[in-house]
Amino acid sequence: MCLSFMNKMSETACTCGKTHQFRAEICVGSGVLARIPEYLHNYSAKKVFLLSDENTYRVAGKRVS
């Protein structure tokens, strides 16, 4: 199951002086790891921010990164 809490591209001003665009989606459930390449392709992602705790990173985050 995926929850899109940003339906469109959002922009955020940064301390670096640039304006960064981002889209966020939270996906939870069986088979999500295998679908990550599809999600990245659908968003034409060039850079990805991975957020996890130590346990999640050990179980899945390391494989994703």
C-alpha atoms as a PDB file:
ATOM      1  CA  MET A   1       0.000   0.000   0.000  1.00  0.00           C
ATOM      2  CA  CYS A   2       1.362   3.425  -0.909  1.00  0.00           C
ATOM      3  CA  LEU A   3       0.249   6.729   0.505  1.00  0.00           C
ATOM      4  CA  SER A   4       0.963   9.827  -1.541  1.00  0.00           C
ATOM      5  CA  PHE A   5       0.869  12.769   0.791  1.00  0.00           C
ATOM      6  CA  MET A   6       2.212  15.063  -1.904  1.00  0.00           C
ATOM      7  CA  ASN A   7       0.113  14.726  -5.056  1.00  0.00           C
ATOM      8  CA  LYS A   8       2.261  17.134  -6.996  1.00  0.00           C
ATOM      9  CA  MET A   9       5.865  18.177  -7.061  1.00  0.00           C
ATOM     10  CA  SER A  10       6.650  20.495  -4.135  1.00  0.00           C
ATOM     11  CA  GLU A  11       9.392  23.080  -3.979  1.00  0.00           C
ATOM     12  CA  THR A  12      11.459  24.028  -0.973  1.00  0.00           C
ATOM     13  CA  ALA A  13      13.980  26.824  -0.631  1.00  0.00           C
ATOM     14  CA  CYS A  14      17.275  25.615   0.778  1.00  0.00           C
ATOM     15  CA  THR A  15      20.073  27.243   2.723  1.00  0.00           C
ATOM     16  CA  CYS A  16      22.346  26.416  -0.235  1.00  0.00           C
ATOM     17  CA  GLY A  17      20.493  29.079  -2.220  1.00  0.00           C
ATOM     18  CA  LYS A  18      18.745  26.678  -4.575  1.00  0.00           C
ATOM     19  CA  THR A  19      15.103  25.649  -4.717  1.00  0.00           C
ATOM     20  CA  HIS A  20      14.742  21.869  -4.565  1.00  0.00           C
ATOM     21  CA  GLN A  21      11.773  19.940  -5.905  1.00  0.00           C
ATOM     22  CA  PHE A  22      10.552  16.781  -4.262  1.00  0.00           C
ATOM     23  CA  ARG A  23       7.734  14.285  -4.281  1.00  0.00           C
ATOM     24  CA  ALA A  24       7.106  12.032  -1.308  1.00  0.00           C
ATOM     25  CA  GLU A  25       5.373   8.701  -1.064  1.00  0.00           C
ATOM     26  CA  ILE A  26       5.233   6.169   1.758  1.00  0.00           C
ATOM     27  CA  CYS A  27       4.890   2.514   0.772  1.00  0.00           C
ATOM     28  CA  VAL A  28       4.326  -0.274   3.275  1.00  0.00           C
ATOM     29  CA  GLY A  29       3.633  -3.948   2.727  1.00  0.00           C
ATOM     30  CA  SER A  30       4.671  -7.159   1.090  1.00  0.00           C
ATOM     31  CA  GLY A  31       6.693  -6.820  -2.118  1.00  0.00           C
ATOM     32  CA  VAL A  32       7.572  -3.142  -1.693  1.00  0.00           C
ATOM     33  CA  LEU A  33      11.339  -3.707  -1.895  1.00  0.00           C
ATOM     34  CA  ALA A  34      11.052  -5.438  -5.252  1.00  0.00           C
ATOM     35  CA  ARG A  35       9.029  -2.505  -6.613  1.00  0.00           C
ATOM     36  CA  ILE A  36      11.495   0.246  -5.660  1.00  0.00           C
ATOM     37  CA  PRO A  37      13.102   0.395  -9.140  1.00  0.00           C
ATOM     38  CA  GLU A  38       9.608   0.846 -10.614  1.00  0.00           C
ATOM     39  CA  TYR A  39       8.803   3.683  -8.182  1.00  0.00           C
ATOM     40  CA  LEU A  40      12.078   5.447  -8.966  1.00  0.00           C
ATOM     41  CA  HIS A  41      11.503   5.085 -12.697  1.00  0.00           C
ATOM     42  CA  ASN A  42       7.941   6.444 -12.436  1.00  0.00           C
ATOM     43  CA  TYR A  43       9.223   9.577 -10.709  1.00  0.00           C
ATOM     44  CA  SER A  44      12.300   9.937 -12.945  1.00  0.00           C
ATOM     45  CA  ALA A  45      14.266  10.085  -9.699  1.00  0.00           C
ATOM     46  CA  LYS A  46      17.852  11.268  -9.917  1.00  0.00           C
ATOM     47  CA  LYS A  47      18.538  11.487  -6.178  1.00  0.00           C
ATOM     48  CA  VAL A  48      16.793   9.608  -3.407  1.00  0.00           C
ATOM     49  CA  PHE A  49      16.578  10.252   0.326  1.00  0.00           C
ATOM     50  CA  LEU A  50      16.358   7.056   2.359  1.00  0.00           C
ATOM     51  CA  LEU A  51      14.965   7.349   5.880  1.00  0.00           C
ATOM     52  CA  SER A  52      15.149   4.400   8.273  1.00  0.00           C
ATOM     53  CA  ASP A  53      16.044   3.431  11.801  1.00  0.00           C
ATOM     54  CA  GLU A  54      18.868   0.970  12.573  1.00  0.00           C
ATOM     55  CA  ASN A  55      16.616  -2.102  12.478  1.00  0.00           C
ATOM     56  CA  THR A  56      14.905  -1.152   9.224  1.00  0.00           C
ATOM     57  CA  TYR A  57      18.238  -0.315   7.639  1.00  0.00           C
ATOM     58  CA  ARG A  58      19.655  -3.690   8.642  1.00  0.00           C
ATOM     59  CA  VAL A  59      16.624  -5.578   7.273  1.00  0.00           C
ATOM     60  CA  ALA A  60      15.962  -3.599   4.089  1.00  0.00           C
ATOM     61  CA  GLY A  61      17.646  -0.199   3.896  1.00  0.00           C
ATOM     62  CA  LYS A  62      21.131  -1.521   3.199  1.00  0.00           C
ATOM     63  CA  ARG A  63      19.791  -3.471   0.222  1.00  0.00           C
ATOM     64  CA  VAL A  64      17.928  -0.418  -1.058  1.00  0.00           C
ATOM     65  CA  SER A  65      20.913   1.903  -0.758  1.00  0.00           C
END
